[in-house]
Amino acid sequence: MRRIRAAVIAVIAALLFATGCATKNPSGASGPAPAQGSAAAPASPGIAQGPVTEIDITIRNGQISPKPAIHKVHKGDTVKLVVTSDTDDWVHVHGFDQEAKLTAGQPAVIEFVADHSGVFVVETHTAEKQLLQLQVS
């Protein structure tokens, strides 16, 4: 009985971990969010767009430049992330369901309205590198 219970807990934990970074598209189905490749994701509808904060990030030889930091923006501002990597990967913005494919040597752009407050991690999936934290207030 203990083995079965432990196996069930392990499966649930694995599923929670695997779906922790899952995104939803506008239809609610799982899968990549609208930002794919170097195309920008549309800004959130119905939200007045404020100033644009552009953050450029480069990943080369496993090193992130500039070093991961907290970037502060105001609620309602537009955030434009431009990420260039020397390897293929995926970049994901937690809390905003934004994701883009990183193709080696080509900038990937994610643009969205920061329409809710909090601190949100931006990370890569394959290399599991935290690129920055976005603080929205």
Protein backbone atom coordinates (compact mmCIF):
# COMPACT_ATOMS: atom_id res chain seq x y z
CA MET A 1 0.00 0.00 0.00
CA ARG A 2 2.89 2.37 0.79
CA ARG A 3 4.44 1.73 -2.61
CA ILE A 4 1.19 2.54 -4.38
CA ARG A 5 0.74 5.72 -2.33
CA ALA A 6 4.35 6.76 -3.02
CA ALA A 7 3.92 6.05 -6.74
CA VAL A 8 0.72 8.13 -6.89
CA ILE A 9 2.40 11.01 -5.08
CA ALA A 10 5.39 10.81 -7.44
CA VAL A 11 3.12 10.89 -10.49
CA ILE A 12 1.16 13.86 -9.15
CA ALA A 13 4.36 15.72 -8.32
CA ALA A 14 5.75 15.03 -11.79
CA LEU A 15 2.55 16.26 -13.43
CA LEU A 16 2.53 19.42 -11.33
CA PHE A 17 6.16 20.08 -12.16
CA ALA A 18 5.63 19.41 -15.87
CA THR A 19 2.60 21.71 -16.09
CA GLY A 20 4.07 24.43 -13.90
CA CYS A 21 5.45 26.21 -16.96
CA ALA A 22 2.62 25.21 -19.30
CA THR A 23 0.89 28.08 -21.01
CA LYS A 24 -2.59 28.45 -22.38
CA ASN A 25 -3.49 29.94 -25.69
CA PRO A 26 -6.56 32.20 -26.01
CA SER A 27 -8.81 29.17 -26.57
CA GLY A 28 -7.70 27.80 -23.18
CA ALA A 29 -5.90 24.78 -24.63
CA SER A 30 -2.42 23.93 -23.46
CA GLY A 31 0.46 24.81 -25.71
CA PRO A 32 2.68 27.71 -26.68
CA ALA A 33 1.29 31.20 -26.21
CA PRO A 34 0.92 33.50 -29.21
CA ALA A 35 4.58 34.59 -29.32
CA GLN A 36 6.48 32.20 -31.58
CA GLY A 37 9.93 32.72 -33.06
CA SER A 38 10.67 36.39 -33.54
CA ALA A 39 7.04 37.44 -33.87
CA ALA A 40 5.69 39.57 -31.04
CA ALA A 41 2.69 38.48 -29.02
CA PRO A 42 -0.24 40.85 -29.22
CA ALA A 43 -0.74 43.21 -26.31
CA SER A 44 -3.58 42.38 -23.94
CA PRO A 45 -6.87 43.63 -25.39
CA GLY A 46 -8.84 46.35 -23.64
CA ILE A 47 -5.87 47.61 -21.59
CA ALA A 48 -4.58 51.12 -22.11
CA GLN A 49 -0.95 50.73 -23.09
CA GLY A 50 1.52 52.81 -21.14
CA PRO A 51 5.16 53.48 -21.88
CA VAL A 52 7.20 50.68 -23.47
CA THR A 53 10.00 49.14 -21.41
CA GLU A 54 12.38 47.23 -23.69
CA ILE A 55 14.72 44.71 -22.11
CA ASP A 56 17.44 43.16 -24.28
CA ILE A 57 18.99 39.90 -23.08
CA THR A 58 21.80 37.86 -24.62
CA ILE A 59 22.67 34.27 -23.73
CA ARG A 60 26.14 33.23 -24.92
CA ASN A 61 28.11 30.18 -23.77
CA GLY A 62 25.59 29.69 -20.95
CA GLN A 63 26.14 33.23 -19.62
CA ILE A 64 23.35 35.78 -19.39
CA SER A 65 23.97 39.42 -20.21
CA PRO A 66 23.06 41.59 -18.46
CA LYS A 67 23.15 39.51 -15.28
CA PRO A 68 19.68 38.50 -14.02
CA ALA A 69 18.09 41.33 -12.05
CA ILE A 70 14.71 42.71 -11.00
CA HIS A 71 13.20 45.02 -13.62
CA LYS A 72 10.48 47.33 -12.26
CA VAL A 73 7.60 48.46 -14.47
CA HIS A 74 4.27 50.10 -13.77
CA LYS A 75 1.02 48.21 -14.14
CA GLY A 76 -0.35 49.01 -17.62
CA ASP A 77 3.09 49.53 -19.18
CA THR A 78 4.05 47.55 -22.26
CA VAL A 79 7.01 45.22 -21.80
CA LYS A 80 9.11 44.23 -24.80
CA LEU A 81 11.62 41.44 -24.21
CA VAL A 82 14.23 40.82 -26.89
CA VAL A 83 16.19 37.63 -26.20
CA THR A 84 19.06 36.40 -28.35
CA SER A 85 20.70 33.05 -27.60
CA ASP A 86 23.52 31.07 -29.16
CA THR A 87 21.47 27.86 -28.72
CA ASP A 88 17.90 26.85 -29.47
CA ASP A 89 15.53 26.96 -26.47
CA TRP A 90 12.26 28.48 -25.30
CA VAL A 91 11.81 31.63 -23.22
CA HIS A 92 8.77 31.91 -20.94
CA VAL A 93 7.27 34.79 -18.93
CA HIS A 94 5.52 33.33 -15.90
CA GLY A 95 2.19 34.88 -14.97
CA PHE A 96 1.51 36.37 -18.40
CA ASP A 97 1.34 33.15 -20.43
CA GLN A 98 3.89 34.43 -22.92
CA GLU A 99 6.40 32.14 -24.58
CA ALA A 100 8.67 32.32 -27.62
CA LYS A 101 10.98 29.91 -29.40
CA LEU A 102 14.65 30.85 -29.28
CA THR A 103 16.46 30.01 -32.51
CA ALA A 104 20.24 30.27 -32.21
CA GLY A 105 21.50 33.66 -33.37
CA GLN A 106 18.04 35.14 -34.01
CA PRO A 107 16.35 37.56 -31.60
CA ALA A 108 13.01 36.39 -30.19
CA VAL A 109 10.56 39.11 -29.19
CA ILE A 110 7.83 38.90 -26.58
CA GLU A 111 5.68 42.00 -26.15
CA PHE A 112 2.76 42.30 -23.74
CA VAL A 113 0.96 44.68 -21.41
CA ALA A 114 1.90 44.19 -17.75
CA ASP A 115 -1.72 44.23 -16.67
CA HIS A 116 -1.42 42.64 -13.23
CA SER A 117 0.81 43.26 -10.24
CA GLY A 118 3.41 40.95 -8.76
CA VAL A 119 6.88 39.59 -9.35
CA PHE A 120 7.20 37.32 -12.38
CA VAL A 121 10.13 35.16 -13.47
CA VAL A 122 11.37 35.09 -17.06
CA GLU A 123 13.31 31.90 -17.80
CA THR A 124 14.45 29.49 -20.46
CA HIS A 125 12.97 26.00 -20.51
CA THR A 126 15.70 23.69 -21.81
CA ALA A 127 18.67 25.34 -20.09
CA GLU A 128 16.49 26.28 -17.09
CA LYS A 129 18.15 29.67 -16.72
CA GLN A 130 16.43 32.56 -14.99
CA LEU A 131 16.88 35.62 -17.19
CA LEU A 132 15.22 38.23 -14.98
CA GLN A 133 12.39 38.99 -12.62
CA LEU A 134 9.72 41.46 -13.66
CA GLN A 135 8.21 43.47 -10.80
CA VAL A 136 4.89 45.04 -11.78
CA SER A 137 3.28 47.58 -9.44
